[in-house]
Protein backbone atom coordinates (compact mmCIF):
# COMPACT_ATOMS: atom_id res chain seq x y z
CA UNK A 1 20.95 -12.08 6.05
CA UNK A 2 17.34 -11.92 4.83
CA UNK A 3 15.58 -14.30 2.26
CA UNK A 4 12.58 -13.66 0.29
CA UNK A 5 9.54 -16.02 0.81
CA UNK A 6 6.43 -16.63 -1.35
CA UNK A 7 2.89 -15.97 -0.12
CA UNK A 8 0.53 -18.73 -0.56
CA UNK A 9 -2.17 -18.35 -3.19
CA UNK A 10 -5.82 -19.21 -2.83
CA UNK A 11 -9.52 -17.66 -3.58
CA UNK A 12 -8.41 -14.18 -4.24
CA UNK A 13 -6.18 -14.23 -1.26
CA UNK A 14 -2.22 -14.23 -0.40
CA UNK A 15 -1.48 -16.17 2.46
CA UNK A 16 1.24 -16.47 5.37
CA UNK A 17 3.98 -18.82 3.74
CA UNK A 18 5.37 -19.01 7.79
CA UNK A 19 4.29 -17.89 10.93
CA UNK A 20 5.68 -14.38 11.84
CA UNK A 21 4.53 -10.54 12.65
CA UNK A 22 3.04 -9.09 9.39
CA UNK A 23 4.35 -5.70 8.45
CA UNK A 24 2.31 -4.78 4.82
CA UNK A 25 4.18 -2.86 2.27
CA UNK A 26 0.82 -2.40 0.22
CA UNK A 27 -2.08 -0.67 0.31
CA UNK A 28 -5.64 -0.96 -1.20
CA UNK A 29 -5.43 -0.09 -4.98
CA UNK A 30 -1.97 -1.33 -5.26
CA UNK A 31 -1.57 -3.39 -8.86
CA UNK A 32 0.09 -6.74 -7.68
CA UNK A 33 1.36 -9.41 -9.91
CA UNK A 34 3.88 -12.34 -9.81
CA UNK A 35 6.77 -11.13 -7.81
CA UNK A 36 5.68 -7.94 -6.06
CA UNK A 37 6.87 -7.12 -2.74
CA UNK A 38 3.65 -7.11 -0.25
CA UNK A 39 5.55 -6.90 3.02
CA UNK A 40 7.81 -8.51 5.55
CA UNK A 41 7.41 -11.16 7.72
CA UNK A 42 9.48 -10.90 11.01
CA UNK A 43 10.63 -14.37 12.43
CA UNK A 44 13.84 -14.96 15.06
CA UNK A 45 15.00 -11.01 14.67
CA UNK A 46 15.08 -11.32 10.91
CA UNK A 47 13.02 -9.64 8.37
CA UNK A 48 11.89 -11.78 5.33
CA UNK A 49 10.20 -10.11 2.02
CA UNK A 50 6.95 -11.62 1.41
CA UNK A 51 6.41 -11.74 -2.46
CA UNK A 52 3.24 -12.30 -4.70
CA UNK A 53 3.61 -16.17 -6.06
CA UNK A 54 3.49 -16.85 -9.82
CA UNK A 55 -0.07 -16.53 -11.27
CA UNK A 56 -0.81 -13.48 -9.24
CA UNK A 57 -3.01 -10.51 -10.44
CA UNK A 58 -5.27 -8.31 -9.17
CA UNK A 59 -5.69 -5.41 -6.96
CA UNK A 60 -4.92 -4.95 -3.00
CA UNK A 61 -8.69 -4.45 -1.36
CA UNK A 62 -7.71 -5.63 1.80
CA UNK A 63 -5.04 -6.40 3.91
CA UNK A 64 -4.17 -7.63 7.27
CA UNK A 65 -3.10 -4.84 10.24
CA UNK A 66 0.92 -3.94 10.27
CA UNK A 67 2.45 -6.00 13.19
CA UNK A 68 0.05 -8.82 13.02
CA UNK A 69 1.16 -12.14 14.59
CA UNK A 70 0.37 -14.47 11.75
CA UNK A 71 0.65 -18.26 11.47
CA UNK A 72 1.05 -20.44 7.96
CA UNK A 73 -1.98 -20.33 5.96
CA UNK A 74 -3.21 -16.56 7.54
CA UNK A 75 -4.76 -14.15 5.22
CA UNK A 76 -2.47 -11.48 4.26
CA UNK A 77 -3.39 -9.55 1.59
CA UNK A 78 -7.01 -10.01 -0.30
CA UNK A 79 -6.90 -9.11 -4.15
CA UNK A 80 -10.04 -7.92 -6.44
CA UNK A 81 -10.30 -7.29 -10.27
CA UNK A 82 -7.39 -5.42 -12.10
CA UNK A 83 -9.97 -2.53 -13.38
CA UNK A 84 -8.52 0.50 -12.25
CA UNK A 85 -10.93 1.41 -9.97
CA UNK A 86 -10.76 1.09 -6.20
CA UNK A 87 -13.71 1.39 -4.05
CA UNK A 88 -13.99 1.73 -0.43
CA UNK A 89 -15.96 -0.37 1.72
CA UNK A 90 -15.24 1.68 4.62
CA UNK A 91 -18.07 2.56 7.49
CA UNK A 92 -20.27 5.66 7.58
CA UNK A 93 -18.29 8.66 7.49
CA UNK A 94 -15.05 6.95 5.89
CA UNK A 95 -13.94 8.19 2.48
CA UNK A 96 -15.49 6.70 -0.17
CA UNK A 97 -14.36 6.74 -3.93
CA UNK A 98 -11.41 5.94 -5.83
CA UNK A 99 -8.27 7.32 -3.44
CA UNK A 100 -4.96 6.77 -2.61
CA UNK A 101 -4.28 5.37 0.96
CA UNK A 102 -1.17 5.14 2.66
CA UNK A 103 0.80 1.74 2.44
CA UNK A 104 2.47 2.15 5.84
CA UNK A 105 2.04 4.15 9.00
CA UNK A 106 4.41 7.43 9.21
CA UNK A 107 4.56 10.99 8.10
CA UNK A 108 3.65 12.15 4.89
CA UNK A 109 5.64 14.42 2.88
CA UNK A 110 3.95 16.01 -0.42
CA UNK A 111 7.31 17.57 -1.76
CA UNK A 112 10.89 16.41 -2.12
CA UNK A 113 12.04 18.69 0.19
CA UNK A 114 10.51 21.78 2.33
CA UNK A 115 11.74 24.44 -1.06
CA UNK A 116 10.51 21.86 -3.95
CA UNK A 117 7.05 22.21 -5.33
CA UNK A 118 4.62 18.99 -4.40
CA UNK A 119 4.89 15.94 -6.32
CA UNK A 120 1.30 16.12 -7.62
CA UNK A 121 -1.04 19.24 -6.71
CA UNK A 122 -4.75 19.08 -6.94
CA UNK A 123 -5.68 19.01 -10.48
CA UNK A 124 -2.48 17.05 -11.95
CA UNK A 125 -2.77 14.19 -13.89
CA UNK A 126 -1.19 10.83 -12.41
CA UNK A 127 0.21 7.65 -13.88
CA UNK A 128 0.14 4.46 -11.76
CA UNK A 129 3.96 4.46 -11.56
CA UNK A 130 4.26 8.26 -10.51
CA UNK A 131 5.53 8.92 -6.74
CA UNK A 132 3.25 11.33 -5.40
CA UNK A 133 4.50 11.70 -1.73
CA UNK A 134 7.02 10.38 0.68
CA UNK A 135 6.39 8.47 3.84
CA UNK A 136 8.93 8.85 6.64
CA UNK A 137 9.44 6.10 9.03
CA UNK A 138 12.42 6.35 11.49
CA UNK A 139 14.33 8.68 8.65
CA UNK A 140 14.05 5.93 5.87
CA UNK A 141 11.79 8.02 3.29
CA UNK A 142 9.63 5.51 1.08
CA UNK A 143 8.19 6.55 -2.11
CA UNK A 144 4.43 6.42 -2.57
CA UNK A 145 3.29 5.51 -5.60
CA UNK A 146 -0.13 6.43 -7.09
CA UNK A 147 -0.46 2.49 -8.32
CA UNK A 148 -3.40 3.94 -10.66
CA UNK A 149 -3.94 6.45 -13.10
CA UNK A 150 -6.40 9.58 -12.67
CA UNK A 151 -6.19 13.08 -11.83
CA UNK A 152 -5.68 14.05 -8.19
CA UNK A 153 -8.67 15.95 -7.15
CA UNK A 154 -7.41 17.02 -3.45
CA UNK A 155 -5.21 15.66 -0.76
CA UNK A 156 -6.88 14.52 2.46
CA UNK A 157 -3.77 15.15 4.40
CA UNK A 158 -1.12 17.72 4.69
CA UNK A 159 2.26 17.89 4.45
CA UNK A 160 4.14 16.38 7.37
CA UNK A 161 0.75 14.90 8.67
CA UNK A 162 1.24 11.52 10.50
CA UNK A 163 -0.72 8.89 8.99
CA UNK A 164 -1.80 5.43 9.39
CA UNK A 165 -1.70 2.51 7.08
CA UNK A 166 -4.71 2.09 4.86
CA UNK A 167 -5.69 5.79 5.42
CA UNK A 168 -7.02 7.47 2.56
CA UNK A 169 -4.98 10.02 1.60
CA UNK A 170 -5.81 11.89 -1.54
CA UNK A 171 -9.01 11.69 -4.21
CA UNK A 172 -8.78 10.77 -7.72
CA UNK A 173 -11.00 11.13 -10.53
CA UNK A 174 -11.27 9.56 -14.29
């Protein structure tokens, strides 16, 4: 049986509550409030959900990579202001501006099934809670929500592409 662990807050960062192997479930731009599931920690062959502590509020601007071994107090998530804009501070050649990012590594599907239309075609308005794609890992499909409002101006990946956690997937405009 797994249990829920609360991250430790400090200086705009959410820290590991204990030792384990970290896997983030949120990506850059995700809105975080108290109780948001941030990721999972594996300890002694068991996975535990890690949630944001009381008083947490902000957008994810960075997170520790998936499958990182962490100790108590290790920085898991860095939070920024809740202003609706996600700014990429990626190296030269990377996508900058407001983007939707993968919350985990896997295969991205832009439609619910091969015969259905895409969740969010270019030019469509998206809400912060709208499902815009699915990420499949080992036959488990996880909805990818926009996390912010805007107009999806274009996809940077194709249906069925392999994606990495934190990878830019689509551009957003106001």
